[in-house]
Amino acid sequence: MTSPDPNHPRVGCGAAILRGGALLLVLRRRQPEAGHWGLPGGKVDWGEDTRTTCAREIAEELGLSITPGRLLCVADTIDLGDGRHWVAPVYLVEDCVGEPAVLEPEALGGCGWFPLDTLPERLTSATLAALRALGR
């Protein structure tokens, strides 16, 4: 498989998972936006719809079972550090089964529930877009 053309956007997806007034965030170890807290999610595979991707990625990364709800927003991440452009639908998730645990430690440095009024300072651009869509 050849590496992706950096001059074409890639497609990912994310989940804004809410529980009891808190948002689930993961600490990214990889680009784009390594070192920032962001929404869990990942890359869309060929032939896979974004809702399926969203549920699969959350299960693989965190061991949670989710059903993606309404489309909350579409986030653009244009990373000048690695020169990639990601386009990602973000789904609202208000129900999940299980407790999150980092299952991909090479990609994630941690995870946690954060009250919407006490979020970490370094947030990914997709997280900021989701917060705007939530009216925050």
Protein backbone atom coordinates (compact mmCIF):
# COMPACT_ATOMS: atom_id res chain seq x y z
CA MET A 1 0.00 0.00 0.00
CA THR A 2 1.36 3.41 -0.88
CA SER A 3 1.40 6.25 1.59
CA PRO A 4 -1.43 8.77 1.31
CA ASP A 5 -0.96 11.79 -0.90
CA PRO A 6 -0.40 14.73 1.48
CA ASN A 7 -2.16 17.02 -1.01
CA HIS A 8 -5.51 15.28 -0.54
CA PRO A 9 -7.65 15.36 2.58
CA ARG A 10 -8.06 12.15 4.56
CA VAL A 11 -11.30 11.06 6.23
CA GLY A 12 -11.65 10.29 9.91
CA CYS A 13 -14.48 10.42 12.40
CA GLY A 14 -14.95 11.21 16.06
CA ALA A 15 -17.36 10.81 18.93
CA ALA A 16 -18.39 13.45 21.45
CA ILE A 17 -19.30 11.03 24.24
CA LEU A 18 -21.19 12.67 27.10
CA ARG A 19 -22.00 11.12 30.46
CA GLY A 20 -23.36 13.00 33.46
CA GLY A 21 -22.31 16.40 32.11
CA ALA A 22 -18.76 15.24 31.34
CA LEU A 23 -17.03 14.73 27.99
CA LEU A 24 -14.74 11.76 27.34
CA LEU A 25 -11.37 12.87 25.98
CA VAL A 26 -8.19 11.03 25.02
CA LEU A 27 -4.62 12.31 25.14
CA ARG A 28 -3.11 11.98 21.66
CA ARG A 29 0.42 10.64 21.26
CA ARG A 30 0.42 10.80 17.44
CA GLN A 31 0.04 13.52 14.86
CA PRO A 32 -2.06 15.35 14.10
CA GLU A 33 -2.14 17.37 17.30
CA ALA A 34 0.04 15.08 19.44
CA GLY A 35 0.02 16.16 23.09
CA HIS A 36 -3.53 17.52 22.89
CA TRP A 37 -6.69 16.18 24.45
CA GLY A 38 -9.26 15.21 21.87
CA LEU A 39 -12.32 13.24 20.98
CA PRO A 40 -11.83 9.53 20.45
CA GLY A 41 -12.17 8.31 16.89
CA GLY A 42 -10.05 7.37 13.94
CA LYS A 43 -9.52 6.76 10.27
CA VAL A 44 -12.31 5.61 7.99
CA ASP A 45 -11.43 2.40 6.17
CA TRP A 46 -12.27 1.90 2.49
CA GLY A 47 -15.91 0.89 2.07
CA GLU A 48 -16.82 1.58 5.71
CA ASP A 49 -19.50 4.14 6.57
CA THR A 50 -18.56 6.74 9.16
CA ARG A 51 -21.04 5.59 11.82
CA THR A 52 -19.59 2.08 11.66
CA THR A 53 -16.07 3.51 11.80
CA CYS A 54 -16.98 5.59 14.83
CA ALA A 55 -18.31 2.60 16.80
CA ARG A 56 -15.39 0.37 15.71
CA GLU A 57 -12.72 2.91 16.60
CA ILE A 58 -14.18 3.60 20.06
CA ALA A 59 -14.32 -0.15 20.77
CA GLU A 60 -10.73 -0.66 19.56
CA GLU A 61 -9.26 2.36 21.37
CA LEU A 62 -11.25 2.37 24.61
CA GLY A 63 -13.27 -0.85 24.89
CA LEU A 64 -16.60 1.01 24.90
CA SER A 65 -19.72 -0.01 23.03
CA ILE A 66 -21.47 3.01 21.53
CA THR A 67 -24.23 3.86 19.12
CA PRO A 68 -23.39 7.09 17.29
CA GLY A 69 -26.26 9.57 17.57
CA ARG A 70 -26.89 12.67 15.54
CA LEU A 71 -24.19 14.29 13.46
CA LEU A 72 -22.89 17.05 15.72
CA CYS A 73 -20.49 18.75 13.30
CA VAL A 74 -17.88 18.17 10.62
CA ALA A 75 -14.39 19.09 11.75
CA ASP A 76 -11.43 20.08 9.59
CA THR A 77 -7.98 19.48 11.01
CA ILE A 78 -5.31 21.10 8.89
CA ASP A 79 -2.04 20.23 10.58
CA LEU A 80 0.84 22.38 9.50
CA GLY A 81 3.21 20.16 11.50
CA ASP A 82 2.70 17.03 9.42
CA GLY A 83 1.12 18.71 6.39
CA ARG A 84 -2.07 16.65 6.45
CA HIS A 85 -5.68 17.71 6.19
CA TRP A 86 -8.31 15.55 7.90
CA VAL A 87 -12.06 15.91 7.48
CA ALA A 88 -14.07 14.22 10.22
CA PRO A 89 -17.76 13.96 10.99
CA VAL A 90 -18.28 14.06 14.75
CA TYR A 91 -21.23 12.17 16.21
CA LEU A 92 -22.92 12.93 19.51
CA VAL A 93 -23.02 9.90 21.80
CA GLU A 94 -25.14 10.14 24.93
CA ASP A 95 -25.10 6.46 25.84
CA CYS A 96 -22.16 4.09 26.06
CA VAL A 97 -21.62 0.72 27.66
CA GLY A 98 -18.49 0.04 29.70
CA GLU A 99 -15.75 2.04 31.31
CA PRO A 100 -13.05 3.53 29.07
CA ALA A 101 -9.55 2.08 29.18
CA VAL A 102 -6.62 2.85 26.88
CA LEU A 103 -6.27 -0.22 24.64
CA GLU A 104 -3.86 1.41 22.18
CA PRO A 105 -1.10 2.87 24.39
CA GLU A 106 1.10 3.61 21.37
CA ALA A 107 -1.56 6.05 20.14
CA LEU A 108 -3.11 7.31 23.39
CA GLY A 109 -1.44 8.60 26.53
CA GLY A 110 -4.57 8.51 28.65
CA CYS A 111 -8.29 9.07 28.76
CA GLY A 112 -10.73 10.67 31.14
CA TRP A 113 -14.10 12.23 31.74
CA PHE A 114 -13.95 16.03 31.97
CA PRO A 115 -16.81 18.27 33.15
CA LEU A 116 -17.74 20.62 30.31
CA ASP A 117 -16.85 23.61 32.49
CA THR A 118 -13.42 22.18 33.46
CA LEU A 119 -11.78 20.99 30.24
CA PRO A 120 -8.01 20.70 29.74
CA GLU A 121 -6.24 23.61 28.04
CA ARG A 122 -4.72 21.82 25.05
CA LEU A 123 -7.71 20.65 23.00
CA THR A 124 -7.68 19.39 19.43
CA SER A 125 -9.35 21.41 16.68
CA ALA A 126 -12.06 18.74 16.30
CA THR A 127 -12.85 18.98 20.01
CA LEU A 128 -13.14 22.76 19.75
CA ALA A 129 -15.50 22.38 16.77
CA ALA A 130 -17.65 19.91 18.73
CA LEU A 131 -17.77 22.24 21.73
CA ARG A 132 -18.92 25.10 19.48
CA ALA A 133 -21.64 22.83 18.07
CA LEU A 134 -22.71 22.02 21.63
CA GLY A 135 -22.99 25.76 22.34
CA ARG A 136 -19.89 25.86 24.59
